[in-house]
C-alpha atoms as a PDB file:
ATOM      1  CA  MET A   1       0.000   0.000   0.000  1.00  0.00           C
ATOM      2  CA  ALA A   2       1.388   3.373  -0.986  1.00  0.00           C
ATOM      3  CA  ARG A   3       2.042   6.014   1.617  1.00  0.00           C
ATOM      4  CA  ALA A   4      -0.286   9.004   1.551  1.00  0.00           C
ATOM      5  CA  ARG A   5       1.029  11.942  -0.447  1.00  0.00           C
ATOM      6  CA  ILE A   6       2.003  14.985   1.613  1.00  0.00           C
ATOM      7  CA  GLY A   7       0.412  18.157   0.263  1.00  0.00           C
ATOM      8  CA  GLU A   8       2.619  21.079  -0.701  1.00  0.00           C
ATOM      9  CA  ALA A   9       1.316  23.431   2.017  1.00  0.00           C
ATOM     10  CA  ASP A  10       1.796  20.845   4.783  1.00  0.00           C
ATOM     11  CA  GLY A  11       5.185  19.828   3.414  1.00  0.00           C
ATOM     12  CA  MET A  12       6.522  23.364   3.150  1.00  0.00           C
ATOM     13  CA  THR A  13       5.277  24.141   6.674  1.00  0.00           C
ATOM     14  CA  ALA A  14       7.067  21.031   7.961  1.00  0.00           C
ATOM     15  CA  VAL A  15      10.303  21.937   6.145  1.00  0.00           C
ATOM     16  CA  THR A  16      10.251  25.449   7.603  1.00  0.00           C
ATOM     17  CA  ALA A  17       9.659  24.035  11.086  1.00  0.00           C
ATOM     18  CA  ALA A  18      12.302  21.313  10.700  1.00  0.00           C
ATOM     19  CA  LEU A  19      14.975  23.849   9.800  1.00  0.00           C
ATOM     20  CA  GLN A  20      14.580  25.480  13.223  1.00  0.00           C
ATOM     21  CA  ALA A  21      16.926  24.419  16.032  1.00  0.00           C
ATOM     22  CA  SER A  22      14.014  23.353  18.221  1.00  0.00           C
ATOM     23  CA  ALA A  23      12.230  21.242  15.601  1.00  0.00           C
ATOM     24  CA  SER A  24       9.997  18.466  16.860  1.00  0.00           C
ATOM     25  CA  ARG A  25      10.489  14.877  15.763  1.00  0.00           C
ATOM     26  CA  ASP A  26       7.100  14.992  14.002  1.00  0.00           C
ATOM     27  CA  ALA A  27       8.053  18.103  12.005  1.00  0.00           C
ATOM     28  CA  THR A  28      11.397  16.563  11.080  1.00  0.00           C
ATOM     29  CA  ALA A  29       9.741  13.304  10.014  1.00  0.00           C
ATOM     30  CA  MET A  30       7.189  15.069   7.817  1.00  0.00           C
ATOM     31  CA  ALA A  31       9.831  17.357   6.299  1.00  0.00           C
ATOM     32  CA  VAL A  32      12.103  14.417   5.456  1.00  0.00           C
ATOM     33  CA  ARG A  33       9.224  12.483   3.893  1.00  0.00           C
ATOM     34  CA  TYR A  34       8.032  15.515   1.950  1.00  0.00           C
ATOM     35  CA  LEU A  35      11.496  16.208   0.533  1.00  0.00           C
ATOM     36  CA  LEU A  36      11.969  12.529  -0.360  1.00  0.00           C
ATOM     37  CA  GLN A  37       8.589  12.638  -2.095  1.00  0.00           C
ATOM     38  CA  ALA A  38       9.664  15.788  -3.960  1.00  0.00           C
ATOM     39  CA  LEU A  39      12.891  14.073  -5.059  1.00  0.00           C
ATOM     40  CA  ALA A  40      11.000  11.024  -6.358  1.00  0.00           C
ATOM     41  CA  GLU A  41       8.637  13.311  -8.292  1.00  0.00           C
ATOM     42  CA  LYS A  42      11.491  15.408  -9.705  1.00  0.00           C
ATOM     43  CA  VAL A  43      13.642  12.416 -10.688  1.00  0.00           C
ATOM     44  CA  PRO A  44      11.355   9.415 -11.250  1.00  0.00           C
ATOM     45  CA  GLY A  45      12.846   5.965 -11.625  1.00  0.00           C
ATOM     46  CA  ASN A  46      14.024   2.922  -9.710  1.00  0.00           C
ATOM     47  CA  THR A  47      17.793   2.895 -10.105  1.00  0.00           C
ATOM     48  CA  VAL A  48      18.847   4.629  -6.870  1.00  0.00           C
ATOM     49  CA  GLU A  49      17.364   4.070  -3.429  1.00  0.00           C
ATOM     50  CA  VAL A  50      17.654   7.033  -1.048  1.00  0.00           C
ATOM     51  CA  ARG A  51      17.295   6.109   2.632  1.00  0.00           C
ATOM     52  CA  VAL A  52      16.858   8.471   5.573  1.00  0.00           C
ATOM     53  CA  PRO A  53      16.300   6.196   8.551  1.00  0.00           C
ATOM     54  CA  PRO A  54      14.048   5.983  10.438  1.00  0.00           C
ATOM     55  CA  PHE A  55      11.817   8.352   8.484  1.00  0.00           C
ATOM     56  CA  GLY A  56      11.664   7.111   4.927  1.00  0.00           C
ATOM     57  CA  ALA A  57      13.138   5.886   1.681  1.00  0.00           C
ATOM     58  CA  VAL A  58      12.377   6.381  -2.000  1.00  0.00           C
ATOM     59  CA  GLN A  59      13.599   5.080  -5.307  1.00  0.00           C
ATOM     60  CA  CYS A  60      14.494   7.534  -8.037  1.00  0.00           C
ATOM     61  CA  VAL A  61      16.646   8.106 -11.149  1.00  0.00           C
ATOM     62  CA  GLU A  62      15.797   6.453 -14.453  1.00  0.00           C
ATOM     63  CA  GLY A  63      17.814   3.478 -15.532  1.00  0.00           C
ATOM     64  CA  PRO A  64      18.098  -0.239 -14.831  1.00  0.00           C
ATOM     65  CA  ARG A  65      15.542  -1.473 -12.328  1.00  0.00           C
ATOM     66  CA  HIS A  66      16.414  -3.960  -9.608  1.00  0.00           C
ATOM     67  CA  THR A  67      13.763  -6.492  -8.637  1.00  0.00           C
ATOM     68  CA  ARG A  68      15.015  -8.348  -5.562  1.00  0.00           C
ATOM     69  CA  GLY A  69      17.379  -7.872  -2.664  1.00  0.00           C
ATOM     70  CA  THR A  70      19.478  -4.858  -1.914  1.00  0.00           C
ATOM     71  CA  PRO A  71      19.519  -2.353  -4.770  1.00  0.00           C
ATOM     72  CA  PRO A  72      22.912  -1.823  -6.424  1.00  0.00           C
ATOM     73  CA  ASN A  73      22.805   1.954  -5.909  1.00  0.00           C
ATOM     74  CA  VAL A  74      22.022   3.067  -2.367  1.00  0.00           C
ATOM     75  CA  ILE A  75      22.358   6.445  -0.686  1.00  0.00           C
ATOM     76  CA  GLU A  76      21.874   6.710   3.051  1.00  0.00           C
ATOM     77  CA  THR A  77      22.111   9.669   5.396  1.00  0.00           C
ATOM     78  CA  ASP A  78      20.597  11.105   8.559  1.00  0.00           C
ATOM     79  CA  ALA A  79      17.641  13.475   8.690  1.00  0.00           C
ATOM     80  CA  ALA A  80      19.641  16.654   9.372  1.00  0.00           C
ATOM     81  CA  THR A  81      21.974  15.983   6.449  1.00  0.00           C
ATOM     82  CA  TRP A  82      19.079  15.156   4.122  1.00  0.00           C
ATOM     83  CA  LEU A  83      17.330  18.405   5.057  1.00  0.00           C
ATOM     84  CA  ALA A  84      20.546  20.338   4.409  1.00  0.00           C
ATOM     85  CA  LEU A  85      21.116  18.634   1.042  1.00  0.00           C
ATOM     86  CA  ALA A  86      17.518  18.890  -0.121  1.00  0.00           C
ATOM     87  CA  THR A  87      17.284  22.597   0.735  1.00  0.00           C
ATOM     88  CA  GLY A  88      20.690  23.580  -0.641  1.00  0.00           C
ATOM     89  CA  ALA A  89      22.233  24.367   2.742  1.00  0.00           C
ATOM     90  CA  THR A  90      25.089  21.968   1.997  1.00  0.00           C
ATOM     91  CA  SER A  91      26.516  20.553  -1.204  1.00  0.00           C
ATOM     92  CA  TRP A  92      26.575  16.922  -2.234  1.00  0.00           C
ATOM     93  CA  SER A  93      30.362  16.892  -2.519  1.00  0.00           C
ATOM     94  CA  ASP A  94      30.820  18.383   0.959  1.00  0.00           C
ATOM     95  CA  ALA A  95      28.418  15.883   2.525  1.00  0.00           C
ATOM     96  CA  VAL A  96      30.084  12.911   0.843  1.00  0.00           C
ATOM     97  CA  ALA A  97      33.588  14.168   1.695  1.00  0.00           C
ATOM     98  CA  SER A  98      32.684  14.618   5.356  1.00  0.00           C
ATOM     99  CA  GLY A  99      31.290  11.077   5.547  1.00  0.00           C
ATOM    100  CA  VAL A 100      27.712  11.996   6.495  1.00  0.00           C
ATOM    101  CA  VAL A 101      26.385  10.537   3.239  1.00  0.00           C
ATOM    102  CA  HIS A 102      27.052   6.899   2.418  1.00  0.00           C
ATOM    103  CA  ALA A 103      26.708   6.230  -1.295  1.00  0.00           C
ATOM    104  CA  SER A 104      27.375   2.847  -2.863  1.00  0.00           C
ATOM    105  CA  GLY A 105      27.045   1.929  -6.508  1.00  0.00           C
ATOM    106  CA  THR A 106      28.174   3.475  -9.743  1.00  0.00           C
ATOM    107  CA  ARG A 107      25.014   5.597 -10.093  1.00  0.00           C
ATOM    108  CA  ALA A 108      24.654   6.550  -6.426  1.00  0.00           C
ATOM    109  CA  THR A 109      24.778  10.325  -6.660  1.00  0.00           C
ATOM    110  CA  LEU A 110      22.166  13.036  -6.246  1.00  0.00           C
ATOM    111  CA  GLU A 111      24.426  15.934  -7.167  1.00  0.00           C
ATOM    112  CA  PRO A 112      22.631  16.819 -10.438  1.00  0.00           C
ATOM    113  CA  TYR A 113      19.220  16.807  -8.733  1.00  0.00           C
ATOM    114  CA  LEU A 114      19.854  18.883  -5.605  1.00  0.00           C
ATOM    115  CA  PRO A 115      18.534  21.025  -4.100  1.00  0.00           C
ATOM    116  CA  VAL A 116      14.986  19.716  -4.276  1.00  0.00           C
ATOM    117  CA  TYR A 117      13.507  22.752  -2.523  1.00  0.00           C
ATOM    118  CA  ARG A 118      14.821  26.166  -1.556  1.00  0.00           C
ATOM    119  CA  PRO A 119      13.176  27.821   1.444  1.00  0.00           C
ATOM    120  CA  ARG A 120      12.155  31.426   0.925  1.00  0.00           C
END
């Protein structure tokens, strides 16, 4: 069963709240899920799996599709790093270099697709 789609107004409110130092876990969770949803809509496909435990994961980027087991191209990071990447507060290369993003596979990069959303 597919997860319910987060509306733009609710998602943008959650992102704004999650970027505050005192963000609640619920706001962070919704913001992460909204930005993952936005990534999957912006870059549809099933070649790369982006994981932000414990809040969510999506598949994106056109190309070869995997059908069973662990996907060959996996990106995993924490919520704070995902929020920073998705909003343009940090660059892909900086996040990878500092070790806060774990990317495995020859196509495991989001650099051409970030940021997903820029707060006003």
